[in-house]
Each structure stands twice: as structure tokens, then as C-alpha cells.
N, C-alpha and C. Protein backbone atom coordinates (compact mmCIF):
# COMPACT_ATOMS: atom_id res chain seq x y z
N UNK A 1 0.83 -1.19 0.00
CA UNK A 1 0.00 0.00 0.00
C UNK A 1 0.86 1.25 0.00
N UNK A 2 1.98 1.21 0.76
CA UNK A 2 2.86 2.38 0.80
C UNK A 2 3.55 2.60 -0.53
N UNK A 3 3.93 1.48 -1.20
CA UNK A 3 4.55 1.59 -2.52
C UNK A 3 3.60 2.19 -3.54
N UNK A 4 2.32 1.81 -3.46
CA UNK A 4 1.32 2.35 -4.37
C UNK A 4 1.11 3.83 -4.10
N UNK A 5 1.12 4.23 -2.83
CA UNK A 5 0.97 5.63 -2.48
C UNK A 5 2.14 6.46 -3.02
N UNK A 6 3.35 5.91 -2.90
CA UNK A 6 4.52 6.61 -3.44
C UNK A 6 4.43 6.77 -4.95
N UNK A 7 4.02 5.70 -5.64
CA UNK A 7 3.89 5.77 -7.09
C UNK A 7 2.81 6.77 -7.50
N UNK A 8 1.67 6.75 -6.80
CA UNK A 8 0.61 7.71 -7.12
C UNK A 8 1.06 9.14 -6.86
N UNK A 9 1.79 9.36 -5.78
CA UNK A 9 2.29 10.70 -5.47
C UNK A 9 3.31 11.15 -6.52
N UNK A 10 4.19 10.25 -6.92
CA UNK A 10 5.17 10.58 -7.96
C UNK A 10 4.48 10.91 -9.28
N UNK A 11 3.47 10.11 -9.64
CA UNK A 11 2.71 10.38 -10.87
C UNK A 11 1.97 11.71 -10.79
N UNK A 12 1.41 12.00 -9.62
CA UNK A 12 0.69 13.26 -9.44
C UNK A 12 1.63 14.45 -9.58
N UNK A 13 2.78 14.38 -8.92
CA UNK A 13 3.76 15.48 -9.00
C UNK A 13 4.25 15.66 -10.43
N UNK A 14 4.53 14.55 -11.11
CA UNK A 14 4.95 14.63 -12.51
C UNK A 14 3.89 15.26 -13.39
N UNK A 15 2.64 14.89 -13.17
CA UNK A 15 1.54 15.46 -13.95
C UNK A 15 1.39 16.96 -13.70
N UNK A 16 1.52 17.36 -12.44
CA UNK A 16 1.41 18.78 -12.11
C UNK A 16 2.56 19.57 -12.75
N UNK A 17 3.77 19.01 -12.72
CA UNK A 17 4.92 19.69 -13.32
C UNK A 17 4.73 19.83 -14.83
N UNK A 18 4.30 18.75 -15.49
CA UNK A 18 4.10 18.82 -16.94
C UNK A 18 2.96 19.76 -17.32
N UNK A 19 1.89 19.77 -16.53
CA UNK A 19 0.79 20.70 -16.78
C UNK A 19 1.26 22.13 -16.58
N UNK A 20 2.02 22.36 -15.52
CA UNK A 20 2.55 23.71 -15.26
C UNK A 20 3.48 24.17 -16.37
N UNK A 21 4.32 23.26 -16.87
CA UNK A 21 5.22 23.62 -17.96
C UNK A 21 4.44 23.98 -19.22
N UNK A 22 3.41 23.20 -19.54
CA UNK A 22 2.59 23.49 -20.72
C UNK A 22 1.87 24.82 -20.57
N UNK A 23 1.29 25.03 -19.40
CA UNK A 23 0.57 26.28 -19.15
C UNK A 23 1.51 27.47 -19.25
N UNK A 24 2.70 27.36 -18.65
CA UNK A 24 3.66 28.45 -18.68
C UNK A 24 4.11 28.76 -20.10
N UNK A 25 4.38 27.73 -20.89
CA UNK A 25 4.79 27.95 -22.28
C UNK A 25 3.70 28.66 -23.07
N UNK A 26 2.46 28.24 -22.87
CA UNK A 26 1.35 28.86 -23.60
C UNK A 26 1.06 30.27 -23.10
N UNK A 27 1.15 30.49 -21.80
CA UNK A 27 0.82 31.78 -21.20
C UNK A 27 1.84 32.85 -21.54
N UNK A 28 3.13 32.51 -21.41
CA UNK A 28 4.17 33.52 -21.61
C UNK A 28 4.46 33.78 -23.07
N UNK A 29 4.09 32.86 -23.94
CA UNK A 29 4.37 32.94 -25.38
C UNK A 29 5.86 33.17 -25.64
N UNK A 30 6.70 32.55 -24.77
CA UNK A 30 8.15 32.60 -24.93
C UNK A 30 8.55 31.96 -26.25
N UNK A 31 7.84 30.91 -26.61
CA UNK A 31 8.00 30.23 -27.90
C UNK A 31 6.67 30.34 -28.62
N UNK A 32 6.71 30.53 -29.93
CA UNK A 32 5.44 30.67 -30.65
C UNK A 32 5.46 29.84 -31.92
N UNK A 33 4.35 29.79 -32.57
CA UNK A 33 4.22 29.12 -33.85
C UNK A 33 4.21 27.61 -33.73
N UNK A 34 4.75 26.98 -34.75
CA UNK A 34 4.75 25.52 -34.82
C UNK A 34 5.60 24.89 -33.72
N UNK A 35 6.66 25.57 -33.32
CA UNK A 35 7.51 25.03 -32.26
C UNK A 35 6.72 24.89 -30.97
N UNK A 36 5.92 25.88 -30.64
CA UNK A 36 5.09 25.82 -29.44
C UNK A 36 4.08 24.67 -29.53
N UNK A 37 3.48 24.52 -30.68
CA UNK A 37 2.49 23.45 -30.87
C UNK A 37 3.14 22.08 -30.70
N UNK A 38 4.30 21.89 -31.35
CA UNK A 38 4.98 20.60 -31.23
C UNK A 38 5.42 20.33 -29.80
N UNK A 39 5.89 21.36 -29.12
CA UNK A 39 6.33 21.20 -27.74
C UNK A 39 5.15 20.86 -26.82
N UNK A 40 4.02 21.52 -27.02
CA UNK A 40 2.84 21.22 -26.21
C UNK A 40 2.30 19.81 -26.48
N UNK A 41 2.31 19.40 -27.74
CA UNK A 41 1.88 18.04 -28.07
C UNK A 41 2.83 17.02 -27.44
N UNK A 42 4.13 17.30 -27.50
CA UNK A 42 5.11 16.41 -26.89
C UNK A 42 4.93 16.29 -25.39
N UNK A 43 4.71 17.43 -24.72
CA UNK A 43 4.46 17.40 -23.28
C UNK A 43 3.16 16.67 -22.95
N UNK A 44 2.15 16.82 -23.80
CA UNK A 44 0.89 16.12 -23.60
C UNK A 44 1.05 14.61 -23.75
N UNK A 45 1.82 14.19 -24.73
CA UNK A 45 2.06 12.76 -24.93
C UNK A 45 2.88 12.20 -23.76
N UNK A 46 3.86 12.96 -23.31
CA UNK A 46 4.66 12.54 -22.16
C UNK A 46 3.78 12.39 -20.91
N UNK A 47 2.87 13.32 -20.72
CA UNK A 47 1.97 13.25 -19.57
C UNK A 47 1.02 12.06 -19.71
N UNK A 48 0.56 11.78 -20.91
CA UNK A 48 -0.31 10.62 -21.11
C UNK A 48 0.41 9.33 -20.73
N UNK A 49 1.67 9.18 -21.16
CA UNK A 49 2.44 7.99 -20.80
C UNK A 49 2.67 7.92 -19.30
N UNK A 50 2.95 9.06 -18.69
CA UNK A 50 3.16 9.10 -17.24
C UNK A 50 1.90 8.64 -16.51
N UNK A 51 0.75 9.11 -16.93
CA UNK A 51 -0.49 8.72 -16.27
C UNK A 51 -0.84 7.27 -16.54
N UNK A 52 -0.55 6.78 -17.74
CA UNK A 52 -0.80 5.37 -18.03
C UNK A 52 0.05 4.47 -17.14
N UNK A 53 1.28 4.87 -16.89
CA UNK A 53 2.19 4.05 -16.09
C UNK A 53 1.86 4.14 -14.60
N UNK A 54 1.69 5.35 -14.07
CA UNK A 54 1.56 5.53 -12.63
C UNK A 54 0.13 5.37 -12.11
N UNK A 55 -0.87 5.70 -12.90
CA UNK A 55 -2.25 5.63 -12.41
C UNK A 55 -2.99 4.40 -12.93
N UNK A 56 -2.81 4.06 -14.20
CA UNK A 56 -3.49 2.90 -14.75
C UNK A 56 -2.64 1.63 -14.67
N UNK A 57 -1.36 1.80 -14.33
CA UNK A 57 -0.43 0.68 -14.15
C UNK A 57 -0.33 -0.20 -15.39
N UNK A 58 -0.38 0.44 -16.57
CA UNK A 58 -0.23 -0.29 -17.82
C UNK A 58 1.22 -0.75 -17.93
N UNK A 59 1.41 -2.02 -18.18
CA UNK A 59 2.75 -2.57 -18.34
C UNK A 59 3.30 -3.18 -17.07
N UNK A 60 2.62 -3.02 -15.94
CA UNK A 60 3.15 -3.55 -14.69
C UNK A 60 2.36 -4.75 -14.18
N UNK A 61 1.39 -5.22 -14.97
CA UNK A 61 0.61 -6.37 -14.54
C UNK A 61 1.41 -7.65 -14.78
N UNK A 62 1.09 -8.70 -14.03
CA UNK A 62 1.81 -9.96 -14.23
C UNK A 62 1.47 -10.58 -15.59
N UNK A 63 2.31 -11.47 -16.02
CA UNK A 63 2.09 -12.11 -17.32
C UNK A 63 0.92 -13.06 -17.24
N UNK A 64 0.17 -13.27 -18.27
CA UNK A 64 0.23 -12.57 -19.55
C UNK A 64 -0.30 -11.14 -19.42
N UNK A 65 0.27 -10.26 -20.18
CA UNK A 65 -0.07 -8.84 -20.05
C UNK A 65 -1.23 -8.49 -20.96
N UNK A 66 -2.40 -9.01 -20.63
CA UNK A 66 -3.58 -8.80 -21.44
C UNK A 66 -4.02 -7.35 -21.45
N UNK A 67 -3.93 -6.68 -20.31
CA UNK A 67 -4.37 -5.28 -20.26
C UNK A 67 -3.54 -4.41 -21.19
N UNK A 68 -2.23 -4.65 -21.23
CA UNK A 68 -1.37 -3.88 -22.13
C UNK A 68 -1.69 -4.16 -23.58
N UNK A 69 -1.93 -5.43 -23.91
CA UNK A 69 -2.27 -5.78 -25.29
C UNK A 69 -3.61 -5.18 -25.71
N UNK A 70 -4.58 -5.21 -24.83
CA UNK A 70 -5.88 -4.62 -25.14
C UNK A 70 -5.74 -3.11 -25.33
N UNK A 71 -4.94 -2.47 -24.47
CA UNK A 71 -4.74 -1.03 -24.60
C UNK A 71 -4.05 -0.69 -25.92
N UNK A 72 -3.01 -1.44 -26.27
CA UNK A 72 -2.31 -1.18 -27.54
C UNK A 72 -3.22 -1.41 -28.74
N UNK A 73 -4.07 -2.42 -28.68
CA UNK A 73 -5.02 -2.66 -29.76
C UNK A 73 -6.00 -1.49 -29.88
N UNK A 74 -6.46 -0.98 -28.74
CA UNK A 74 -7.37 0.17 -28.75
C UNK A 74 -6.70 1.39 -29.37
N UNK A 75 -5.45 1.64 -29.01
CA UNK A 75 -4.71 2.76 -29.58
C UNK A 75 -4.55 2.58 -31.09
N UNK A 76 -4.25 1.36 -31.51
CA UNK A 76 -4.10 1.09 -32.94
C UNK A 76 -5.40 1.36 -33.70
N UNK A 77 -6.53 0.91 -33.16
CA UNK A 77 -7.82 1.14 -33.81
C UNK A 77 -8.11 2.64 -33.88
N UNK A 78 -7.85 3.36 -32.79
CA UNK A 78 -8.09 4.81 -32.80
C UNK A 78 -7.20 5.51 -33.82
N UNK A 79 -5.94 5.11 -33.92
CA UNK A 79 -5.04 5.71 -34.91
C UNK A 79 -5.52 5.43 -36.32
N UNK A 80 -5.99 4.22 -36.57
CA UNK A 80 -6.51 3.88 -37.90
C UNK A 80 -7.71 4.76 -38.23
N UNK A 81 -8.61 4.94 -37.27
CA UNK A 81 -9.80 5.76 -37.51
C UNK A 81 -9.42 7.22 -37.75
N UNK A 82 -8.57 7.77 -36.87
CA UNK A 82 -8.21 9.20 -37.00
C UNK A 82 -7.39 9.45 -38.25
N UNK A 83 -6.33 8.66 -38.44
CA UNK A 83 -5.49 8.88 -39.62
C UNK A 83 -6.23 8.56 -40.92
N UNK A 84 -7.10 7.55 -40.89
CA UNK A 84 -7.90 7.24 -42.07
C UNK A 84 -8.87 8.37 -42.39
N UNK A 85 -9.43 9.00 -41.38
CA UNK A 85 -10.33 10.14 -41.59
C UNK A 85 -9.58 11.34 -42.16
N UNK A 86 -8.37 11.57 -41.66
CA UNK A 86 -7.58 12.70 -42.17
C UNK A 86 -7.12 12.45 -43.59
N UNK A 87 -6.84 11.21 -43.92
CA UNK A 87 -6.35 10.87 -45.25
C UNK A 87 -7.46 11.03 -46.25
């Protein structure tokens, strides 16, 4: 239970830091244009992976890792739908 609390706290702090960094970049407009957009998307993807690891515990389940496979399949289907729609 204590290990889970530490992991949740670490994930929470990481999420707050990444959210603060994104907000600060957008608010101050220190960087603008496409660079800002790419940086914000990158920080968002990093935060998504952080939350998947620390809160949803994707990848840490015992074998067989069905939850990870189901999640990856869901991501693949969503990418096919979104990219197919854009194409």
C-alpha cells in the first residue's frame, strides 16, 4: 500500500509539473508558432504515458499482459480511424 501511495504521489507530482510547464509555455508565449504546438503536443504525450504508467499501471501487470495488449489494440484502432479520416 505504501509503494502504491509513493507511485501515485510521484505520478501526481509529474503530472502537475508537466501541466505547469505546458501552461507556462502557452501563457508567456516565450516560444510561438509551430515550435510551441509541437512542444505542447510532446508534453501532452509525455503526460499521457506518465499517467498510463503511474495511475493505470499499464505494463506492470503480471504475465500474460492482457491489459497492455488490449490497450495497444485500442490505440491502434483509434489511430486507424483518425489517420484514415484525415487521409
